[in-house]
Amino acid sequence: MSKVKKGVYDFLRGSFLTDASAFKNWRVFIFIVLLLLITITSAHKADKKVIQISRLNKEKRELRAEYVDTGTVLMRMKMESNIRAKAKTRGLKPLQSPPKKIKVIIKD
């Protein structure tokens, strides 16, 4: 067997983990596994943040629409014609003459 074939065969068999210098290889292997776990964890946390951001943006759009609808209803309720119609159903009429100012003078 050539040296390259033997190296590939030994690698596939996993002899780099079981031979005499395996302790050095195990340390590197464990370090790489820890780095992979950290990468996977941070990717999952990033995905959770993206999902939370999209949920909050959807909720913000819904609340904004509700705010605009409520403002529109309020503006319609404050219109003078609506107020006059509601006052008329209660039997109130607008004044024919302007209101008079009452002054109170207090003498000591």
N, C-alpha and C. Protein backbone atom coordinates (compact mmCIF):
# COMPACT_ATOMS: atom_id res chain seq x y z
N MET A 1 0.84 -1.17 0.00
CA MET A 1 0.00 0.00 0.00
C MET A 1 0.88 1.24 0.00
N SER A 2 0.46 2.24 -0.75
CA SER A 2 1.25 3.47 -0.76
C SER A 2 1.02 4.24 0.54
N LYS A 3 1.88 5.20 0.78
CA LYS A 3 1.81 5.96 2.03
C LYS A 3 0.52 6.78 2.11
N VAL A 4 0.07 7.33 0.97
CA VAL A 4 -1.16 8.13 0.95
C VAL A 4 -2.37 7.24 1.24
N LYS A 5 -2.41 6.07 0.59
CA LYS A 5 -3.53 5.15 0.81
C LYS A 5 -3.56 4.70 2.26
N LYS A 6 -2.39 4.42 2.82
CA LYS A 6 -2.32 3.97 4.20
C LYS A 6 -2.79 5.07 5.14
N GLY A 7 -2.41 6.33 4.87
CA GLY A 7 -2.85 7.45 5.70
C GLY A 7 -4.35 7.64 5.66
N VAL A 8 -4.94 7.54 4.47
CA VAL A 8 -6.39 7.68 4.33
C VAL A 8 -7.09 6.52 5.04
N TYR A 9 -6.56 5.30 4.85
CA TYR A 9 -7.15 4.11 5.49
C TYR A 9 -7.08 4.23 7.01
N ASP A 10 -5.94 4.68 7.54
CA ASP A 10 -5.81 4.86 8.99
C ASP A 10 -6.78 5.93 9.51
N PHE A 11 -6.94 6.98 8.73
CA PHE A 11 -7.86 8.05 9.15
C PHE A 11 -9.30 7.54 9.19
N LEU A 12 -9.69 6.79 8.15
CA LEU A 12 -11.06 6.27 8.10
C LEU A 12 -11.31 5.24 9.20
N ARG A 13 -10.30 4.48 9.56
CA ARG A 13 -10.42 3.50 10.64
C ARG A 13 -10.47 4.18 12.01
N GLY A 14 -9.96 5.41 12.09
CA GLY A 14 -9.95 6.12 13.36
C GLY A 14 -8.74 5.81 14.20
N SER A 15 -7.67 5.37 13.58
CA SER A 15 -6.49 5.00 14.36
C SER A 15 -5.80 6.23 14.95
N PHE A 16 -6.10 7.41 14.43
CA PHE A 16 -5.50 8.63 15.00
C PHE A 16 -6.04 8.90 16.40
N LEU A 17 -7.15 8.27 16.76
CA LEU A 17 -7.70 8.42 18.10
C LEU A 17 -7.27 7.31 19.06
N THR A 18 -6.70 6.25 18.52
CA THR A 18 -6.37 5.10 19.38
C THR A 18 -4.88 4.79 19.46
N ASP A 19 -4.04 5.46 18.71
CA ASP A 19 -2.60 5.13 18.78
C ASP A 19 -1.94 5.82 19.96
N ALA A 20 -0.63 5.78 20.04
CA ALA A 20 0.12 6.24 21.21
C ALA A 20 -0.01 7.75 21.44
N SER A 21 -0.05 8.53 20.39
CA SER A 21 -0.16 9.98 20.55
C SER A 21 -1.62 10.45 20.50
N ALA A 22 -2.53 9.61 20.90
CA ALA A 22 -3.96 9.91 20.80
C ALA A 22 -4.39 11.01 21.78
N PHE A 23 -3.68 11.15 22.91
CA PHE A 23 -4.08 12.17 23.88
C PHE A 23 -4.03 13.57 23.26
N LYS A 24 -3.01 13.84 22.49
CA LYS A 24 -2.89 15.14 21.82
C LYS A 24 -4.04 15.31 20.81
N ASN A 25 -4.34 14.26 20.10
CA ASN A 25 -5.43 14.32 19.13
C ASN A 25 -6.78 14.48 19.81
N TRP A 26 -6.99 13.84 20.94
CA TRP A 26 -8.25 13.97 21.66
C TRP A 26 -8.49 15.39 22.15
N ARG A 27 -7.42 16.04 22.61
CA ARG A 27 -7.57 17.44 23.06
C ARG A 27 -8.04 18.33 21.92
N VAL A 28 -7.44 18.16 20.75
CA VAL A 28 -7.84 18.96 19.59
C VAL A 28 -9.28 18.62 19.19
N PHE A 29 -9.59 17.32 19.20
CA PHE A 29 -10.92 16.87 18.83
C PHE A 29 -11.98 17.46 19.78
N ILE A 30 -11.72 17.42 21.07
CA ILE A 30 -12.66 17.98 22.05
C ILE A 30 -12.79 19.49 21.89
N PHE A 31 -11.69 20.17 21.61
CA PHE A 31 -11.72 21.62 21.39
C PHE A 31 -12.58 21.95 20.17
N ILE A 32 -12.44 21.19 19.10
CA ILE A 32 -13.23 21.43 17.88
C ILE A 32 -14.71 21.17 18.16
N VAL A 33 -15.00 20.10 18.91
CA VAL A 33 -16.40 19.80 19.24
C VAL A 33 -17.01 20.93 20.07
N LEU A 34 -16.26 21.46 21.03
CA LEU A 34 -16.76 22.58 21.84
C LEU A 34 -17.02 23.81 20.98
N LEU A 35 -16.11 24.09 20.04
CA LEU A 35 -16.34 25.22 19.14
C LEU A 35 -17.59 25.01 18.29
N LEU A 36 -17.80 23.80 17.82
CA LEU A 36 -19.00 23.51 17.04
C LEU A 36 -20.27 23.68 17.88
N LEU A 37 -20.23 23.22 19.12
CA LEU A 37 -21.40 23.39 19.99
C LEU A 37 -21.70 24.86 20.25
N ILE A 38 -20.67 25.65 20.46
CA ILE A 38 -20.87 27.09 20.67
C ILE A 38 -21.46 27.73 19.42
N THR A 39 -20.98 27.34 18.25
CA THR A 39 -21.50 27.89 16.99
C THR A 39 -22.97 27.52 16.80
N ILE A 40 -23.31 26.27 17.07
CA ILE A 40 -24.70 25.82 16.91
C ILE A 40 -25.61 26.55 17.89
N THR A 41 -25.15 26.71 19.13
CA THR A 41 -25.95 27.41 20.14
C THR A 41 -26.19 28.87 19.75
N SER A 42 -25.16 29.53 19.29
CA SER A 42 -25.33 30.94 18.92
C SER A 42 -26.23 31.07 17.69
N ALA A 43 -26.17 30.11 16.77
CA ALA A 43 -27.06 30.15 15.60
C ALA A 43 -28.51 29.98 16.03
N HIS A 44 -28.77 29.07 16.97
CA HIS A 44 -30.14 28.88 17.46
C HIS A 44 -30.64 30.13 18.18
N LYS A 45 -29.79 30.75 18.97
CA LYS A 45 -30.21 31.98 19.66
C LYS A 45 -30.50 33.08 18.66
N ALA A 46 -29.70 33.18 17.59
CA ALA A 46 -29.95 34.19 16.57
C ALA A 46 -31.28 33.93 15.87
N ASP A 47 -31.58 32.67 15.59
CA ASP A 47 -32.86 32.33 14.97
C ASP A 47 -34.03 32.71 15.88
N LYS A 48 -33.89 32.45 17.17
CA LYS A 48 -34.95 32.83 18.12
C LYS A 48 -35.17 34.34 18.12
N LYS A 49 -34.06 35.09 18.07
CA LYS A 49 -34.18 36.56 18.05
C LYS A 49 -34.89 37.03 16.79
N VAL A 50 -34.57 36.43 15.64
CA VAL A 50 -35.21 36.81 14.38
C VAL A 50 -36.71 36.54 14.45
N ILE A 51 -37.09 35.38 14.99
CA ILE A 51 -38.51 35.05 15.13
C ILE A 51 -39.21 36.03 16.06
N GLN A 52 -38.55 36.37 17.16
CA GLN A 52 -39.14 37.31 18.12
C GLN A 52 -39.29 38.70 17.48
N ILE A 53 -38.31 39.13 16.72
CA ILE A 53 -38.38 40.43 16.05
C ILE A 53 -39.53 40.46 15.07
N SER A 54 -39.71 39.40 14.29
CA SER A 54 -40.81 39.37 13.32
C SER A 54 -42.17 39.37 14.03
N ARG A 55 -42.27 38.65 15.15
CA ARG A 55 -43.53 38.63 15.91
C ARG A 55 -43.84 40.03 16.46
N LEU A 56 -42.82 40.70 16.99
CA LEU A 56 -43.03 42.03 17.54
C LEU A 56 -43.37 43.05 16.45
N ASN A 57 -42.78 42.91 15.27
CA ASN A 57 -43.11 43.80 14.15
C ASN A 57 -44.56 43.61 13.72
N LYS A 58 -45.02 42.36 13.70
CA LYS A 58 -46.42 42.09 13.35
C LYS A 58 -47.35 42.71 14.38
N GLU A 59 -47.02 42.54 15.65
CA GLU A 59 -47.84 43.11 16.72
C GLU A 59 -47.84 44.64 16.64
N LYS A 60 -46.69 45.23 16.30
CA LYS A 60 -46.60 46.68 16.16
C LYS A 60 -47.50 47.18 15.03
N ARG A 61 -47.52 46.46 13.89
CA ARG A 61 -48.38 46.86 12.78
C ARG A 61 -49.85 46.78 13.17
N GLU A 62 -50.22 45.72 13.92
CA GLU A 62 -51.62 45.58 14.35
C GLU A 62 -52.01 46.71 15.30
N LEU A 63 -51.14 47.03 16.25
CA LEU A 63 -51.44 48.12 17.19
C LEU A 63 -51.50 49.47 16.48
N ARG A 64 -50.65 49.66 15.49
CA ARG A 64 -50.67 50.91 14.73
C ARG A 64 -51.99 51.04 13.97
N ALA A 65 -52.45 49.95 13.37
CA ALA A 65 -53.73 49.97 12.65
C ALA A 65 -54.88 50.26 13.61
N GLU A 66 -54.84 49.66 14.79
CA GLU A 66 -55.88 49.91 15.79
C GLU A 66 -55.86 51.37 16.24
N TYR A 67 -54.66 51.94 16.39
CA TYR A 67 -54.52 53.34 16.79
C TYR A 67 -55.14 54.25 15.73
N VAL A 68 -54.85 53.97 14.46
CA VAL A 68 -55.38 54.81 13.38
C VAL A 68 -56.91 54.69 13.33
N ASP A 69 -57.43 53.47 13.48
CA ASP A 69 -58.89 53.28 13.46
C ASP A 69 -59.55 54.02 14.62
N THR A 70 -58.98 53.93 15.80
CA THR A 70 -59.54 54.61 16.96
C THR A 70 -59.50 56.12 16.77
N GLY A 71 -58.40 56.62 16.21
CA GLY A 71 -58.31 58.07 15.94
C GLY A 71 -59.36 58.52 14.95
N THR A 72 -59.63 57.71 13.94
CA THR A 72 -60.64 58.05 12.95
C THR A 72 -62.03 58.10 13.59
N VAL A 73 -62.33 57.12 14.42
CA VAL A 73 -63.63 57.10 15.11
C VAL A 73 -63.77 58.32 16.01
N LEU A 74 -62.71 58.65 16.73
CA LEU A 74 -62.75 59.82 17.62
C LEU A 74 -62.97 61.10 16.83
N MET A 75 -62.30 61.26 15.71
CA MET A 75 -62.48 62.48 14.90
C MET A 75 -63.91 62.59 14.39
N ARG A 76 -64.50 61.45 14.02
CA ARG A 76 -65.89 61.49 13.55
C ARG A 76 -66.83 61.86 14.69
N MET A 77 -66.54 61.37 15.90
CA MET A 77 -67.39 61.69 17.05
C MET A 77 -67.28 63.17 17.42
N LYS A 78 -66.14 63.79 17.18
CA LYS A 78 -65.93 65.18 17.57
C LYS A 78 -66.45 66.18 16.54
N MET A 79 -66.89 65.69 15.40
CA MET A 79 -67.40 66.60 14.35
C MET A 79 -68.65 67.32 14.85
N GLU A 80 -68.75 68.61 14.50
CA GLU A 80 -69.86 69.43 14.98
C GLU A 80 -71.21 68.89 14.53
N SER A 81 -71.28 68.35 13.33
CA SER A 81 -72.55 67.83 12.83
C SER A 81 -73.01 66.63 13.66
N ASN A 82 -72.10 65.78 14.07
CA ASN A 82 -72.47 64.64 14.91
C ASN A 82 -72.92 65.10 16.29
N ILE A 83 -72.22 66.08 16.83
CA ILE A 83 -72.60 66.60 18.15
C ILE A 83 -73.98 67.24 18.09
N ARG A 84 -74.25 68.00 17.02
CA ARG A 84 -75.57 68.62 16.88
C ARG A 84 -76.67 67.57 16.75
N ALA A 85 -76.39 66.50 16.00
CA ALA A 85 -77.40 65.44 15.83
C ALA A 85 -77.69 64.75 17.16
N LYS A 86 -76.68 64.48 17.94
CA LYS A 86 -76.88 63.83 19.24
C LYS A 86 -77.61 64.76 20.21
N ALA A 87 -77.28 66.07 20.15
CA ALA A 87 -77.96 67.03 21.02
C ALA A 87 -79.44 67.16 20.63
N LYS A 88 -79.71 67.08 19.32
CA LYS A 88 -81.09 67.20 18.85
C LYS A 88 -81.93 66.02 19.32
N THR A 89 -81.35 64.82 19.36
CA THR A 89 -82.11 63.66 19.83
C THR A 89 -82.43 63.78 21.33
N ARG A 90 -81.63 64.55 22.05
CA ARG A 90 -81.90 64.75 23.48
C ARG A 90 -82.79 65.96 23.74
N GLY A 91 -83.15 66.66 22.68
CA GLY A 91 -84.06 67.80 22.83
C GLY A 91 -83.34 69.12 23.04
N LEU A 92 -82.07 69.19 22.79
CA LEU A 92 -81.32 70.43 22.94
C LEU A 92 -81.24 71.15 21.60
N LYS A 93 -81.27 72.50 21.66
CA LYS A 93 -81.17 73.31 20.44
C LYS A 93 -80.01 74.28 20.59
N PRO A 94 -79.43 74.70 19.47
CA PRO A 94 -78.38 75.70 19.57
C PRO A 94 -78.97 77.06 19.99
N LEU A 95 -78.17 77.91 20.62
CA LEU A 95 -78.62 79.23 21.07
C LEU A 95 -78.90 80.14 19.88
N GLN A 96 -79.93 80.98 20.03
CA GLN A 96 -80.23 81.95 18.98
C GLN A 96 -79.42 83.22 19.17
N SER A 97 -79.11 83.55 20.44
CA SER A 97 -78.30 84.74 20.71
C SER A 97 -76.98 84.29 21.34
N PRO A 98 -75.96 85.08 21.17
CA PRO A 98 -74.66 84.67 21.73
C PRO A 98 -74.70 84.67 23.27
N PRO A 99 -73.87 83.90 23.89
CA PRO A 99 -73.86 83.86 25.35
C PRO A 99 -73.37 85.18 25.94
N LYS A 100 -73.84 85.47 27.17
CA LYS A 100 -73.43 86.71 27.85
C LYS A 100 -72.42 86.37 28.91
N LYS A 101 -71.48 87.28 29.11
CA LYS A 101 -70.44 87.09 30.09
C LYS A 101 -70.94 87.64 31.44
N ILE A 102 -70.74 86.87 32.47
CA ILE A 102 -71.14 87.29 33.81
C ILE A 102 -69.87 87.65 34.57
N LYS A 103 -69.82 88.84 35.10
CA LYS A 103 -68.69 89.27 35.89
C LYS A 103 -69.07 89.31 37.36
N VAL A 104 -68.24 88.76 38.18
CA VAL A 104 -68.51 88.76 39.61
C VAL A 104 -67.46 89.69 40.23
N ILE A 105 -67.94 90.69 40.94
CA ILE A 105 -67.03 91.64 41.60
C ILE A 105 -67.13 91.40 43.09
N ILE A 106 -66.00 91.14 43.68
CA ILE A 106 -65.96 90.88 45.13
C ILE A 106 -65.35 92.12 45.80
N LYS A 107 -66.11 92.71 46.72
CA LYS A 107 -65.61 93.88 47.44
C LYS A 107 -65.24 93.46 48.85
N ASP A 108 -64.13 93.92 49.28
CA ASP A 108 -63.68 93.58 50.63
C ASP A 108 -64.21 94.54 51.65
